[in-house]
Amino acid sequence: MDDTTRTEIEAATFRALMHHLLEKRPDVQNIDLMTLAGFCRNCLSRWYQEAAETRGITLSKDEAREIVYAMPFADWTEKHQRPASADQQSAFAAAFKENVGKPT
Protein backbone atom coordinates (compact mmCIF):
# COMPACT_ATOMS: atom_id res chain seq x y z
CA MET A 1 0.00 0.00 0.00
CA ASP A 2 1.40 3.40 -0.91
CA ASP A 3 1.59 6.29 1.60
CA THR A 4 -1.19 8.33 -0.06
CA THR A 5 -3.63 5.42 0.04
CA ARG A 6 -2.73 4.62 3.66
CA THR A 7 -3.27 8.27 4.64
CA GLU A 8 -6.64 8.32 2.87
CA ILE A 9 -7.73 5.12 4.64
CA GLU A 10 -6.55 6.47 8.00
CA ALA A 11 -8.46 9.72 7.41
CA ALA A 12 -11.61 7.80 6.49
CA THR A 13 -11.21 5.68 9.64
CA PHE A 14 -10.85 8.81 11.78
CA ARG A 15 -13.99 10.32 10.21
CA ALA A 16 -15.89 7.08 10.91
CA LEU A 17 -14.73 7.14 14.55
CA MET A 18 -15.80 10.76 14.92
CA HIS A 19 -19.18 10.06 13.30
CA HIS A 20 -19.70 7.11 15.64
CA LEU A 21 -18.83 9.11 18.77
CA LEU A 22 -20.76 12.22 17.74
CA GLU A 23 -23.81 10.86 15.96
CA LYS A 24 -24.33 7.30 17.11
CA ARG A 25 -23.00 7.44 20.68
CA PRO A 26 -23.12 10.99 22.06
CA ASP A 27 -24.47 9.38 25.24
CA VAL A 28 -21.07 7.85 25.99
CA GLN A 29 -19.42 10.20 28.43
CA ASN A 30 -15.78 11.21 28.16
CA ILE A 31 -15.10 9.82 31.64
CA ASP A 32 -16.32 6.40 30.44
CA LEU A 33 -14.10 6.59 27.35
CA MET A 34 -11.13 7.54 29.53
CA THR A 35 -11.80 4.72 31.98
CA LEU A 36 -12.18 2.06 29.30
CA ALA A 37 -9.88 3.24 26.52
CA GLY A 38 -7.51 5.75 28.09
CA PHE A 39 -8.57 8.54 25.73
CA CYS A 40 -11.63 10.67 25.09
CA ARG A 41 -12.94 13.30 22.70
CA ASN A 42 -10.76 15.93 24.39
CA CYS A 43 -7.69 13.76 23.77
CA LEU A 44 -8.68 13.49 20.11
CA SER A 45 -8.93 17.26 19.88
CA ARG A 46 -5.51 17.68 21.49
CA TRP A 47 -3.98 15.15 19.09
CA TYR A 48 -5.64 16.97 16.20
CA GLN A 49 -4.20 20.26 17.44
CA GLU A 50 -0.73 18.74 17.83
CA ALA A 51 -0.86 17.17 14.35
CA ALA A 52 -1.85 20.53 12.87
CA GLU A 53 1.04 22.23 14.67
CA THR A 54 3.55 19.76 13.19
CA ARG A 55 2.36 21.01 9.81
CA GLY A 56 2.67 24.69 10.71
CA ILE A 57 -1.06 25.19 11.34
CA THR A 58 -1.97 26.92 14.60
CA LEU A 59 -5.23 25.89 16.21
CA SER A 60 -6.38 26.99 19.63
CA LYS A 61 -7.65 24.41 22.09
CA ASP A 62 -11.19 25.69 21.47
CA GLU A 63 -10.79 25.52 17.67
CA ALA A 64 -9.53 21.94 17.86
CA ARG A 65 -12.37 20.94 20.16
CA GLU A 66 -14.92 22.52 17.85
CA ILE A 67 -13.57 20.40 15.00
CA VAL A 68 -13.75 17.20 17.03
CA TYR A 69 -17.11 17.95 18.68
CA ALA A 70 -18.60 19.44 15.47
CA MET A 71 -19.86 22.34 17.59
CA PRO A 72 -18.52 24.66 20.27
CA PHE A 73 -17.43 22.66 23.32
CA ALA A 74 -19.80 24.60 25.60
CA ASP A 75 -22.73 23.63 23.36
CA TRP A 76 -21.70 19.96 23.43
CA THR A 77 -21.36 20.05 27.21
CA GLU A 78 -24.79 21.60 27.65
CA LYS A 79 -26.42 19.19 25.21
CA HIS A 80 -24.72 15.88 26.09
CA GLN A 81 -22.57 15.95 29.21
CA ARG A 82 -23.94 14.73 32.51
CA PRO A 83 -22.27 15.01 35.91
CA ALA A 84 -20.06 12.02 36.61
CA SER A 85 -21.58 9.57 39.05
CA ALA A 86 -19.71 8.30 42.08
CA ASP A 87 -19.29 4.96 40.29
CA GLN A 88 -17.83 6.65 37.20
CA GLN A 89 -15.43 8.70 39.32
CA SER A 90 -14.35 5.63 41.26
CA ALA A 91 -13.79 3.58 38.08
CA PHE A 92 -11.78 6.44 36.57
CA ALA A 93 -9.62 6.77 39.68
CA ALA A 94 -8.98 3.01 39.75
CA ALA A 95 -8.13 2.90 36.05
CA PHE A 96 -5.48 5.61 36.39
CA LYS A 97 -4.14 4.81 39.85
CA GLU A 98 -1.03 3.17 38.38
CA ASN A 99 -0.45 6.16 36.07
CA VAL A 100 -0.86 8.72 38.86
CA GLY A 101 -4.07 9.94 37.24
CA LYS A 102 -2.32 10.88 33.97
CA PRO A 103 -4.27 9.58 30.99
CA THR A 104 -2.45 9.10 27.71
C-alpha atoms as a PDB file:
ATOM      1  CA  MET A   1       0.000   0.000   0.000  1.00  0.00           C
ATOM      2  CA  ASP A   2       1.397   3.404  -0.906  1.00  0.00           C
ATOM      3  CA  ASP A   3       1.587   6.295   1.597  1.00  0.00           C
ATOM      4  CA  THR A   4      -1.187   8.332  -0.057  1.00  0.00           C
ATOM      5  CA  THR A   5      -3.635   5.418   0.035  1.00  0.00           C
ATOM      6  CA  ARG A   6      -2.735   4.622   3.657  1.00  0.00           C
ATOM      7  CA  THR A   7      -3.271   8.265   4.639  1.00  0.00           C
ATOM      8  CA  GLU A   8      -6.645   8.324   2.868  1.00  0.00           C
ATOM      9  CA  ILE A   9      -7.729   5.124   4.638  1.00  0.00           C
ATOM     10  CA  GLU A  10      -6.550   6.470   8.003  1.00  0.00           C
ATOM     11  CA  ALA A  11      -8.457   9.719   7.409  1.00  0.00           C
ATOM     12  CA  ALA A  12     -11.611   7.798   6.492  1.00  0.00           C
ATOM     13  CA  THR A  13     -11.213   5.684   9.637  1.00  0.00           C
ATOM     14  CA  PHE A  14     -10.852   8.814  11.780  1.00  0.00           C
ATOM     15  CA  ARG A  15     -13.989  10.322  10.206  1.00  0.00           C
ATOM     16  CA  ALA A  16     -15.889   7.079  10.908  1.00  0.00           C
ATOM     17  CA  LEU A  17     -14.734   7.142  14.548  1.00  0.00           C
ATOM     18  CA  MET A  18     -15.796  10.759  14.921  1.00  0.00           C
ATOM     19  CA  HIS A  19     -19.180  10.061  13.302  1.00  0.00           C
ATOM     20  CA  HIS A  20     -19.696   7.108  15.639  1.00  0.00           C
ATOM     21  CA  LEU A  21     -18.828   9.107  18.774  1.00  0.00           C
ATOM     22  CA  LEU A  22     -20.762  12.217  17.737  1.00  0.00           C
ATOM     23  CA  GLU A  23     -23.814  10.856  15.963  1.00  0.00           C
ATOM     24  CA  LYS A  24     -24.333   7.304  17.110  1.00  0.00           C
ATOM     25  CA  ARG A  25     -22.999   7.438  20.684  1.00  0.00           C
ATOM     26  CA  PRO A  26     -23.120  10.988  22.058  1.00  0.00           C
ATOM     27  CA  ASP A  27     -24.466   9.377  25.238  1.00  0.00           C
ATOM     28  CA  VAL A  28     -21.071   7.849  25.992  1.00  0.00           C
ATOM     29  CA  GLN A  29     -19.425  10.202  28.429  1.00  0.00           C
ATOM     30  CA  ASN A  30     -15.783  11.209  28.165  1.00  0.00           C
ATOM     31  CA  ILE A  31     -15.095   9.816  31.640  1.00  0.00           C
ATOM     32  CA  ASP A  32     -16.315   6.402  30.443  1.00  0.00           C
ATOM     33  CA  LEU A  33     -14.097   6.590  27.351  1.00  0.00           C
ATOM     34  CA  MET A  34     -11.132   7.537  29.528  1.00  0.00           C
ATOM     35  CA  THR A  35     -11.800   4.717  31.979  1.00  0.00           C
ATOM     36  CA  LEU A  36     -12.179   2.058  29.303  1.00  0.00           C
ATOM     37  CA  ALA A  37      -9.882   3.241  26.519  1.00  0.00           C
ATOM     38  CA  GLY A  38      -7.508   5.749  28.090  1.00  0.00           C
ATOM     39  CA  PHE A  39      -8.566   8.538  25.728  1.00  0.00           C
ATOM     40  CA  CYS A  40     -11.632  10.666  25.089  1.00  0.00           C
ATOM     41  CA  ARG A  41     -12.938  13.299  22.701  1.00  0.00           C
ATOM     42  CA  ASN A  42     -10.758  15.930  24.391  1.00  0.00           C
ATOM     43  CA  CYS A  43      -7.689  13.755  23.769  1.00  0.00           C
ATOM     44  CA  LEU A  44      -8.680  13.485  20.113  1.00  0.00           C
ATOM     45  CA  SER A  45      -8.933  17.265  19.882  1.00  0.00           C
ATOM     46  CA  ARG A  46      -5.512  17.676  21.494  1.00  0.00           C
ATOM     47  CA  TRP A  47      -3.977  15.147  19.089  1.00  0.00           C
ATOM     48  CA  TYR A  48      -5.644  16.973  16.204  1.00  0.00           C
ATOM     49  CA  GLN A  49      -4.199  20.265  17.436  1.00  0.00           C
ATOM     50  CA  GLU A  50      -0.726  18.737  17.827  1.00  0.00           C
ATOM     51  CA  ALA A  51      -0.857  17.170  14.346  1.00  0.00           C
ATOM     52  CA  ALA A  52      -1.846  20.530  12.872  1.00  0.00           C
ATOM     53  CA  GLU A  53       1.043  22.225  14.667  1.00  0.00           C
ATOM     54  CA  THR A  54       3.550  19.762  13.185  1.00  0.00           C
ATOM     55  CA  ARG A  55       2.359  21.015   9.809  1.00  0.00           C
ATOM     56  CA  GLY A  56       2.667  24.685  10.715  1.00  0.00           C
ATOM     57  CA  ILE A  57      -1.057  25.188  11.341  1.00  0.00           C
ATOM     58  CA  THR A  58      -1.970  26.916  14.595  1.00  0.00           C
ATOM     59  CA  LEU A  59      -5.233  25.893  16.205  1.00  0.00           C
ATOM     60  CA  SER A  60      -6.380  26.989  19.625  1.00  0.00           C
ATOM     61  CA  LYS A  61      -7.650  24.412  22.090  1.00  0.00           C
ATOM     62  CA  ASP A  62     -11.188  25.686  21.469  1.00  0.00           C
ATOM     63  CA  GLU A  63     -10.791  25.523  17.673  1.00  0.00           C
ATOM     64  CA  ALA A  64      -9.535  21.937  17.856  1.00  0.00           C
ATOM     65  CA  ARG A  65     -12.370  20.945  20.161  1.00  0.00           C
ATOM     66  CA  GLU A  66     -14.923  22.520  17.846  1.00  0.00           C
ATOM     67  CA  ILE A  67     -13.566  20.402  14.997  1.00  0.00           C
ATOM     68  CA  VAL A  68     -13.746  17.201  17.031  1.00  0.00           C
ATOM     69  CA  TYR A  69     -17.108  17.947  18.676  1.00  0.00           C
ATOM     70  CA  ALA A  70     -18.604  19.438  15.472  1.00  0.00           C
ATOM     71  CA  MET A  71     -19.856  22.339  17.586  1.00  0.00           C
ATOM     72  CA  PRO A  72     -18.516  24.661  20.271  1.00  0.00           C
ATOM     73  CA  PHE A  73     -17.435  22.656  23.316  1.00  0.00           C
ATOM     74  CA  ALA A  74     -19.797  24.599  25.597  1.00  0.00           C
ATOM     75  CA  ASP A  75     -22.733  23.628  23.362  1.00  0.00           C
ATOM     76  CA  TRP A  76     -21.696  19.959  23.428  1.00  0.00           C
ATOM     77  CA  THR A  77     -21.356  20.053  27.205  1.00  0.00           C
ATOM     78  CA  GLU A  78     -24.793  21.599  27.649  1.00  0.00           C
ATOM     79  CA  LYS A  79     -26.420  19.187  25.209  1.00  0.00           C
ATOM     80  CA  HIS A  80     -24.720  15.884  26.089  1.00  0.00           C
ATOM     81  CA  GLN A  81     -22.574  15.949  29.210  1.00  0.00           C
ATOM     82  CA  ARG A  82     -23.938  14.726  32.510  1.00  0.00           C
ATOM     83  CA  PRO A  83     -22.266  15.012  35.908  1.00  0.00           C
ATOM     84  CA  ALA A  84     -20.057  12.018  36.611  1.00  0.00           C
ATOM     85  CA  SER A  85     -21.583   9.574  39.046  1.00  0.00           C
ATOM     86  CA  ALA A  86     -19.707   8.302  42.081  1.00  0.00           C
ATOM     87  CA  ASP A  87     -19.289   4.958  40.292  1.00  0.00           C
ATOM     88  CA  GLN A  88     -17.827   6.653  37.199  1.00  0.00           C
ATOM     89  CA  GLN A  89     -15.430   8.703  39.325  1.00  0.00           C
ATOM     90  CA  SER A  90     -14.354   5.625  41.261  1.00  0.00           C
ATOM     91  CA  ALA A  91     -13.787   3.577  38.084  1.00  0.00           C
ATOM     92  CA  PHE A  92     -11.782   6.436  36.569  1.00  0.00           C
ATOM     93  CA  ALA A  93      -9.620   6.767  39.677  1.00  0.00           C
ATOM     94  CA  ALA A  94      -8.982   3.014  39.755  1.00  0.00           C
ATOM     95  CA  ALA A  95      -8.125   2.904  36.049  1.00  0.00           C
ATOM     96  CA  PHE A  96      -5.480   5.607  36.387  1.00  0.00           C
ATOM     97  CA  LYS A  97      -4.144   4.814  39.850  1.00  0.00           C
ATOM     98  CA  GLU A  98      -1.027   3.168  38.380  1.00  0.00           C
ATOM     99  CA  ASN A  99      -0.448   6.165  36.073  1.00  0.00           C
ATOM    100  CA  VAL A 100      -0.859   8.722  38.863  1.00  0.00           C
ATOM    101  CA  GLY A 101      -4.066   9.938  37.239  1.00  0.00           C
ATOM    102  CA  LYS A 102      -2.320  10.879  33.973  1.00  0.00           C
ATOM    103  CA  PRO A 103      -4.273   9.577  30.995  1.00  0.00           C
ATOM    104  CA  THR A 104      -2.455   9.100  27.711  1.00  0.00           C
END
